Every structure is written in structure tokens, then in C-alpha cells.
Amino acid sequence: MPHYKLIYFNMRGRAEIIRYLLAYLDIKYEDHRISQDDWPAVKQTVPFGKIPILEVDGVPLHQSLAIGRFLAREAGLAGKTELEQCQVDAIIDTLDDFMSRFPWAEKKQEIKIALLIALTGQSFLSYFLHVLVEITVSEVVFTEDRLISGNMGVGGTIEFGTQNFTCN
């Protein structure tokens, strides 16, 4: 069994999907949390000066989505055919686009929601939810907090403050 070490800040952020997949795979790993004070020194030692890093037997893997795809393949969650893999990749990349646009630094919820709608528009969220409903990917199910195996079923609500975008 390989030795896994996850290196990230003491927060969820971009490492959380990696933690979910490691838990789903029931893989024991070292969860190395870096403090803000230690970050300048650690930054010098990691590829491209960015985290998260997942070390697999001492080999550093970087980029959270690449690591997630690696683990999803290990779990059999990446799609069985190249077409299914592309559909899963498209969903993941779209979520990453959305998360990159999110106004994380804004403190006031009402301003954050207004900025979010202005940046992405209601149409972005509506279209994204439509894509999730229309795509049929066997062996992948999105739930509120994780991916699980089985035939795909999509439902639930994406919540941003007082704005709810429901997909059933």
C-alpha cells in the first residue's frame, strides 16, 4: 500500500475534494496542515510554490483537480468510457470556473450575492444545473457532500446566501 501525504493549509479549500476521495477510497493518509506563519518556508519546497500537494510514496503530485482525477480513476469514479470521462471532466472544470469567479473576499453577504450574479448570471447557474440533469454518467452520483458510485442521480439545491438554485 502506498504512503499518502496531503499538504495544505489548515482549512478545507482546494484540498477538500482530495480528502473526500481519500475517505471514499478508505485510504489512510498523513494530513499535514501548514500554518500561515510556516507557509513562506514551505512555499520554497513545493512544485510551482502552490498547494495542495499529495505525495504518493514521496512523489509530489500538484494541482487539486489533477490529484482529484487521479484518485477518481483509482476509485472507478472517472467514467468507464472516454466519453464519460470527458463528461465528468467538463463538470469538474465548470465547477472550477465557477469557484474561481466566486467573490470569496467580500464580507457582506448581499454584496457577495450581487457580485456573483453579475459575474456569472442566473443563466450560468441555470445552464449548469440543466447540464447536470441532462448528462447520464454511469457509476457517478453527486450528493450534497460527496461523489458515490451507482447510476447517476442529480438533485438538491445549490445555496449562496439567500439565493437557492434547485435541481430535481
C-alpha atoms as a PDB file:
ATOM      1  CA  MET A   1       0.000   0.000   0.000  1.00  0.00           C
ATOM      2  CA  PRO A   2       1.480   3.378  -0.978  1.00  0.00           C
ATOM      3  CA  HIS A   3       2.095   6.073   1.629  1.00  0.00           C
ATOM      4  CA  TYR A   4      -0.003   9.210   1.053  1.00  0.00           C
ATOM      5  CA  LYS A   5       0.733  12.641   2.497  1.00  0.00           C
ATOM      6  CA  LEU A   6      -1.559  15.600   1.824  1.00  0.00           C
ATOM      7  CA  ILE A   7      -0.013  19.032   2.302  1.00  0.00           C
ATOM      8  CA  TYR A   8      -2.320  22.041   2.594  1.00  0.00           C
ATOM      9  CA  PHE A   9      -3.348  24.886   4.885  1.00  0.00           C
ATOM     10  CA  ASN A  10      -5.460  24.227   7.980  1.00  0.00           C
ATOM     11  CA  MET A  11      -8.679  24.743   6.008  1.00  0.00           C
ATOM     12  CA  ARG A  12     -10.923  22.952   3.518  1.00  0.00           C
ATOM     13  CA  GLY A  13     -10.289  24.924   0.333  1.00  0.00           C
ATOM     14  CA  ARG A  14      -8.866  23.142  -2.681  1.00  0.00           C
ATOM     15  CA  ALA A  15      -7.753  20.116  -0.659  1.00  0.00           C
ATOM     16  CA  GLU A  16     -11.244  19.131   0.478  1.00  0.00           C
ATOM     17  CA  ILE A  17     -12.162  17.183  -2.665  1.00  0.00           C
ATOM     18  CA  ILE A  18      -8.904  15.262  -2.200  1.00  0.00           C
ATOM     19  CA  ARG A  19      -9.851  14.472   1.400  1.00  0.00           C
ATOM     20  CA  TYR A  20     -13.325  13.325   0.266  1.00  0.00           C
ATOM     21  CA  LEU A  21     -11.844  10.996  -2.334  1.00  0.00           C
ATOM     22  CA  LEU A  22      -9.262   9.592   0.089  1.00  0.00           C
ATOM     23  CA  ALA A  23     -12.071   8.925   2.583  1.00  0.00           C
ATOM     24  CA  TYR A  24     -14.231   7.338  -0.121  1.00  0.00           C
ATOM     25  CA  LEU A  25     -11.328   5.075  -1.080  1.00  0.00           C
ATOM     26  CA  ASP A  26     -10.710   4.343   2.626  1.00  0.00           C
ATOM     27  CA  ILE A  27      -7.070   5.356   2.176  1.00  0.00           C
ATOM     28  CA  LYS A  28      -5.151   6.252   5.302  1.00  0.00           C
ATOM     29  CA  TYR A  29      -3.016   9.340   4.763  1.00  0.00           C
ATOM     30  CA  GLU A  30      -0.962  11.908   6.606  1.00  0.00           C
ATOM     31  CA  ASP A  31      -2.888  15.195   6.674  1.00  0.00           C
ATOM     32  CA  HIS A  32      -0.095  17.758   7.008  1.00  0.00           C
ATOM     33  CA  ARG A  33      -1.633  21.171   7.761  1.00  0.00           C
ATOM     34  CA  ILE A  34       0.552  24.237   7.199  1.00  0.00           C
ATOM     35  CA  SER A  35       0.183  27.385   9.273  1.00  0.00           C
ATOM     36  CA  GLN A  36       0.255  30.799   7.612  1.00  0.00           C
ATOM     37  CA  ASP A  37       3.468  31.526   9.533  1.00  0.00           C
ATOM     38  CA  ASP A  38       5.197  28.450   8.068  1.00  0.00           C
ATOM     39  CA  TRP A  39       3.930  28.981   4.504  1.00  0.00           C
ATOM     40  CA  PRO A  40       6.797  31.193   3.208  1.00  0.00           C
ATOM     41  CA  ALA A  41       9.357  28.497   4.062  1.00  0.00           C
ATOM     42  CA  VAL A  42       7.192  25.627   2.761  1.00  0.00           C
ATOM     43  CA  LYS A  43       6.412  27.515  -0.456  1.00  0.00           C
ATOM     44  CA  GLN A  44      10.081  27.272  -1.448  1.00  0.00           C
ATOM     45  CA  THR A  45       9.934  23.457  -1.312  1.00  0.00           C
ATOM     46  CA  VAL A  46       6.786  22.582  -3.302  1.00  0.00           C
ATOM     47  CA  PRO A  47       6.276  22.433  -7.090  1.00  0.00           C
ATOM     48  CA  PHE A  48       5.422  25.867  -8.502  1.00  0.00           C
ATOM     49  CA  GLY A  49       5.120  27.204  -4.942  1.00  0.00           C
ATOM     50  CA  LYS A  50       1.480  26.085  -4.728  1.00  0.00           C
ATOM     51  CA  ILE A  51      -0.556  23.680  -2.649  1.00  0.00           C
ATOM     52  CA  PRO A  52      -2.312  21.287  -2.228  1.00  0.00           C
ATOM     53  CA  ILE A  53       0.310  18.631  -2.778  1.00  0.00           C
ATOM     54  CA  LEU A  54      -0.401  14.922  -2.491  1.00  0.00           C
ATOM     55  CA  GLU A  55       2.753  12.899  -2.040  1.00  0.00           C
ATOM     56  CA  VAL A  56       2.412   9.280  -3.119  1.00  0.00           C
ATOM     57  CA  ASP A  57       5.406   7.319  -1.847  1.00  0.00           C
ATOM     58  CA  GLY A  58       7.352  10.572  -1.774  1.00  0.00           C
ATOM     59  CA  VAL A  59       6.409  11.614  -5.332  1.00  0.00           C
ATOM     60  CA  PRO A  60       4.741  15.054  -5.178  1.00  0.00           C
ATOM     61  CA  LEU A  61       1.565  15.494  -7.207  1.00  0.00           C
ATOM     62  CA  HIS A  62       0.266  19.031  -7.582  1.00  0.00           C
ATOM     63  CA  GLN A  63      -2.877  20.756  -8.874  1.00  0.00           C
ATOM     64  CA  SER A  64      -6.001  19.824  -6.939  1.00  0.00           C
ATOM     65  CA  LEU A  65      -8.040  18.844  -9.996  1.00  0.00           C
ATOM     66  CA  ALA A  66      -5.275  16.619 -11.381  1.00  0.00           C
ATOM     67  CA  ILE A  67      -4.980  14.937  -7.982  1.00  0.00           C
ATOM     68  CA  GLY A  68      -8.760  14.569  -7.831  1.00  0.00           C
ATOM     69  CA  ARG A  69      -8.837  12.973 -11.279  1.00  0.00           C
ATOM     70  CA  PHE A  70      -6.028  10.588 -10.274  1.00  0.00           C
ATOM     71  CA  LEU A  71      -7.947   9.496  -7.165  1.00  0.00           C
ATOM     72  CA  ALA A  72     -11.270   9.335  -9.053  1.00  0.00           C
ATOM     73  CA  ARG A  73      -9.678   6.909 -11.524  1.00  0.00           C
ATOM     74  CA  GLU A  74      -8.406   4.865  -8.567  1.00  0.00           C
ATOM     75  CA  ALA A  75     -11.975   4.783  -7.181  1.00  0.00           C
ATOM     76  CA  GLY A  76     -13.582   3.963 -10.530  1.00  0.00           C
ATOM     77  CA  LEU A  77     -15.462   7.293 -10.460  1.00  0.00           C
ATOM     78  CA  ALA A  78     -13.926   8.914 -13.535  1.00  0.00           C
ATOM     79  CA  GLY A  79     -16.231   7.303 -16.103  1.00  0.00           C
ATOM     80  CA  LYS A  80     -15.913   3.953 -17.851  1.00  0.00           C
ATOM     81  CA  THR A  81     -15.506   5.260 -21.396  1.00  0.00           C
ATOM     82  CA  GLU A  82     -13.580   8.194 -22.810  1.00  0.00           C
ATOM     83  CA  LEU A  83     -16.900   9.949 -23.472  1.00  0.00           C
ATOM     84  CA  GLU A  84     -17.975   9.530 -19.835  1.00  0.00           C
ATOM     85  CA  GLN A  85     -14.539  10.695 -18.668  1.00  0.00           C
ATOM     86  CA  CYS A  86     -14.910  13.833 -20.781  1.00  0.00           C
ATOM     87  CA  GLN A  87     -18.374  14.489 -19.337  1.00  0.00           C
ATOM     88  CA  VAL A  88     -17.060  14.137 -15.767  1.00  0.00           C
ATOM     89  CA  ASP A  89     -14.066  16.373 -16.614  1.00  0.00           C
ATOM     90  CA  ALA A  90     -16.402  19.004 -18.067  1.00  0.00           C
ATOM     91  CA  ILE A  91     -18.488  19.093 -14.877  1.00  0.00           C
ATOM     92  CA  ILE A  92     -15.370  19.367 -12.709  1.00  0.00           C
ATOM     93  CA  ASP A  93     -13.815  22.084 -14.874  1.00  0.00           C
ATOM     94  CA  THR A  94     -17.086  24.041 -14.932  1.00  0.00           C
ATOM     95  CA  LEU A  95     -17.266  23.901 -11.141  1.00  0.00           C
ATOM     96  CA  ASP A  96     -13.660  25.115 -11.006  1.00  0.00           C
ATOM     97  CA  ASP A  97     -14.505  28.024 -13.339  1.00  0.00           C
ATOM     98  CA  PHE A  98     -17.414  28.909 -11.086  1.00  0.00           C
ATOM     99  CA  MET A  99     -15.342  28.664  -7.891  1.00  0.00           C
ATOM    100  CA  SER A 100     -12.607  30.832  -9.433  1.00  0.00           C
ATOM    101  CA  ARG A 101     -15.152  33.576 -10.099  1.00  0.00           C
ATOM    102  CA  PHE A 102     -16.742  33.479  -6.666  1.00  0.00           C
ATOM    103  CA  PRO A 103     -16.150  36.720  -4.699  1.00  0.00           C
ATOM    104  CA  TRP A 104     -14.568  34.974  -1.677  1.00  0.00           C
ATOM    105  CA  ALA A 105     -13.035  38.121  -0.181  1.00  0.00           C
ATOM    106  CA  GLU A 106     -16.299  40.062   0.054  1.00  0.00           C
ATOM    107  CA  LYS A 107     -17.538  40.156   3.649  1.00  0.00           C
ATOM    108  CA  LYS A 108     -21.127  41.393   3.154  1.00  0.00           C
ATOM    109  CA  GLN A 109     -23.429  38.588   2.012  1.00  0.00           C
ATOM    110  CA  GLU A 110     -25.773  40.804  -0.022  1.00  0.00           C
ATOM    111  CA  ILE A 111     -22.839  42.325  -1.951  1.00  0.00           C
ATOM    112  CA  LYS A 112     -21.311  38.876  -2.448  1.00  0.00           C
ATOM    113  CA  ILE A 113     -24.560  37.596  -3.967  1.00  0.00           C
ATOM    114  CA  ALA A 114     -24.895  40.653  -6.224  1.00  0.00           C
ATOM    115  CA  LEU A 115     -21.288  40.234  -7.427  1.00  0.00           C
ATOM    116  CA  LEU A 116     -21.822  36.542  -8.002  1.00  0.00           C
ATOM    117  CA  ILE A 117     -24.942  37.101 -10.085  1.00  0.00           C
ATOM    118  CA  ALA A 118     -23.237  39.919 -12.019  1.00  0.00           C
ATOM    119  CA  LEU A 119     -20.183  37.757 -12.755  1.00  0.00           C
ATOM    120  CA  THR A 120     -21.890  34.533 -13.694  1.00  0.00           C
ATOM    121  CA  GLY A 121     -25.513  35.454 -14.167  1.00  0.00           C
ATOM    122  CA  GLN A 122     -28.547  33.421 -13.269  1.00  0.00           C
ATOM    123  CA  SER A 123     -28.213  31.862 -16.720  1.00  0.00           C
ATOM    124  CA  PHE A 124     -24.841  30.300 -15.828  1.00  0.00           C
ATOM    125  CA  LEU A 125     -26.292  28.527 -12.794  1.00  0.00           C
ATOM    126  CA  SER A 126     -29.460  27.528 -14.628  1.00  0.00           C
ATOM    127  CA  TYR A 127     -27.477  26.147 -17.551  1.00  0.00           C
ATOM    128  CA  PHE A 128     -25.060  24.304 -15.269  1.00  0.00           C
ATOM    129  CA  LEU A 129     -27.926  22.654 -13.383  1.00  0.00           C
ATOM    130  CA  HIS A 130     -29.504  21.757 -16.742  1.00  0.00           C
ATOM    131  CA  VAL A 131     -26.251  20.088 -17.838  1.00  0.00           C
ATOM    132  CA  LEU A 132     -26.139  18.057 -14.621  1.00  0.00           C
ATOM    133  CA  VAL A 133     -29.681  16.846 -15.226  1.00  0.00           C
ATOM    134  CA  GLU A 134     -29.132  16.007 -18.898  1.00  0.00           C
ATOM    135  CA  ILE A 135     -25.837  14.123 -18.583  1.00  0.00           C
ATOM    136  CA  THR A 136     -26.089  10.445 -17.796  1.00  0.00           C
ATOM    137  CA  VAL A 137     -22.842   9.090 -16.437  1.00  0.00           C
ATOM    138  CA  SER A 138     -22.967   5.584 -15.026  1.00  0.00           C
ATOM    139  CA  GLU A 139     -21.190   4.866 -11.764  1.00  0.00           C
ATOM    140  CA  VAL A 140     -21.112   8.508 -10.614  1.00  0.00           C
ATOM    141  CA  VAL A 141     -23.598  10.180  -8.292  1.00  0.00           C
ATOM    142  CA  PHE A 142     -23.317  13.687  -6.860  1.00  0.00           C
ATOM    143  CA  THR A 143     -24.765  14.078  -3.384  1.00  0.00           C
ATOM    144  CA  GLU A 144     -24.731  17.064  -1.061  1.00  0.00           C
ATOM    145  CA  ASP A 145     -21.165  16.496   0.061  1.00  0.00           C
ATOM    146  CA  ARG A 146     -19.522  13.767  -1.988  1.00  0.00           C
ATOM    147  CA  LEU A 147     -19.445  11.529  -5.028  1.00  0.00           C
ATOM    148  CA  ILE A 148     -20.701   7.987  -4.639  1.00  0.00           C
ATOM    149  CA  SER A 149     -20.933   5.061  -7.034  1.00  0.00           C
ATOM    150  CA  GLY A 150     -24.131   3.891  -8.698  1.00  0.00           C
ATOM    151  CA  ASN A 151     -26.271   5.203 -11.534  1.00  0.00           C
ATOM    152  CA  MET A 152     -26.210   8.968 -11.739  1.00  0.00           C
ATOM    153  CA  GLY A 153     -28.955  10.837  -9.986  1.00  0.00           C
ATOM    154  CA  VAL A 154     -28.945  14.586  -9.599  1.00  0.00           C
ATOM    155  CA  GLY A 155     -30.981  16.604  -7.175  1.00  0.00           C
ATOM    156  CA  GLY A 156     -30.638  19.157  -4.486  1.00  0.00           C
ATOM    157  CA  THR A 157     -30.052  22.818  -4.036  1.00  0.00           C
ATOM    158  CA  ILE A 158     -27.035  24.999  -4.527  1.00  0.00           C
ATOM    159  CA  GLU A 159     -27.210  27.740  -1.905  1.00  0.00           C
ATOM    160  CA  PHE A 160     -25.450  31.104  -1.901  1.00  0.00           C
ATOM    161  CA  GLY A 161     -26.720  33.207   0.952  1.00  0.00           C
ATOM    162  CA  THR A 162     -30.409  33.741   0.340  1.00  0.00           C
ATOM    163  CA  GLN A 163     -30.248  32.604  -3.289  1.00  0.00           C
ATOM    164  CA  ASN A 164     -31.255  28.967  -3.876  1.00  0.00           C
ATOM    165  CA  PHE A 165     -30.875  27.238  -7.209  1.00  0.00           C
ATOM    166  CA  THR A 166     -32.808  23.983  -7.159  1.00  0.00           C
ATOM    167  CA  CYS A 167     -32.356  20.986  -9.377  1.00  0.00           C
ATOM    168  CA  ASN A 168     -34.622  17.940  -9.004  1.00  0.00           C
END
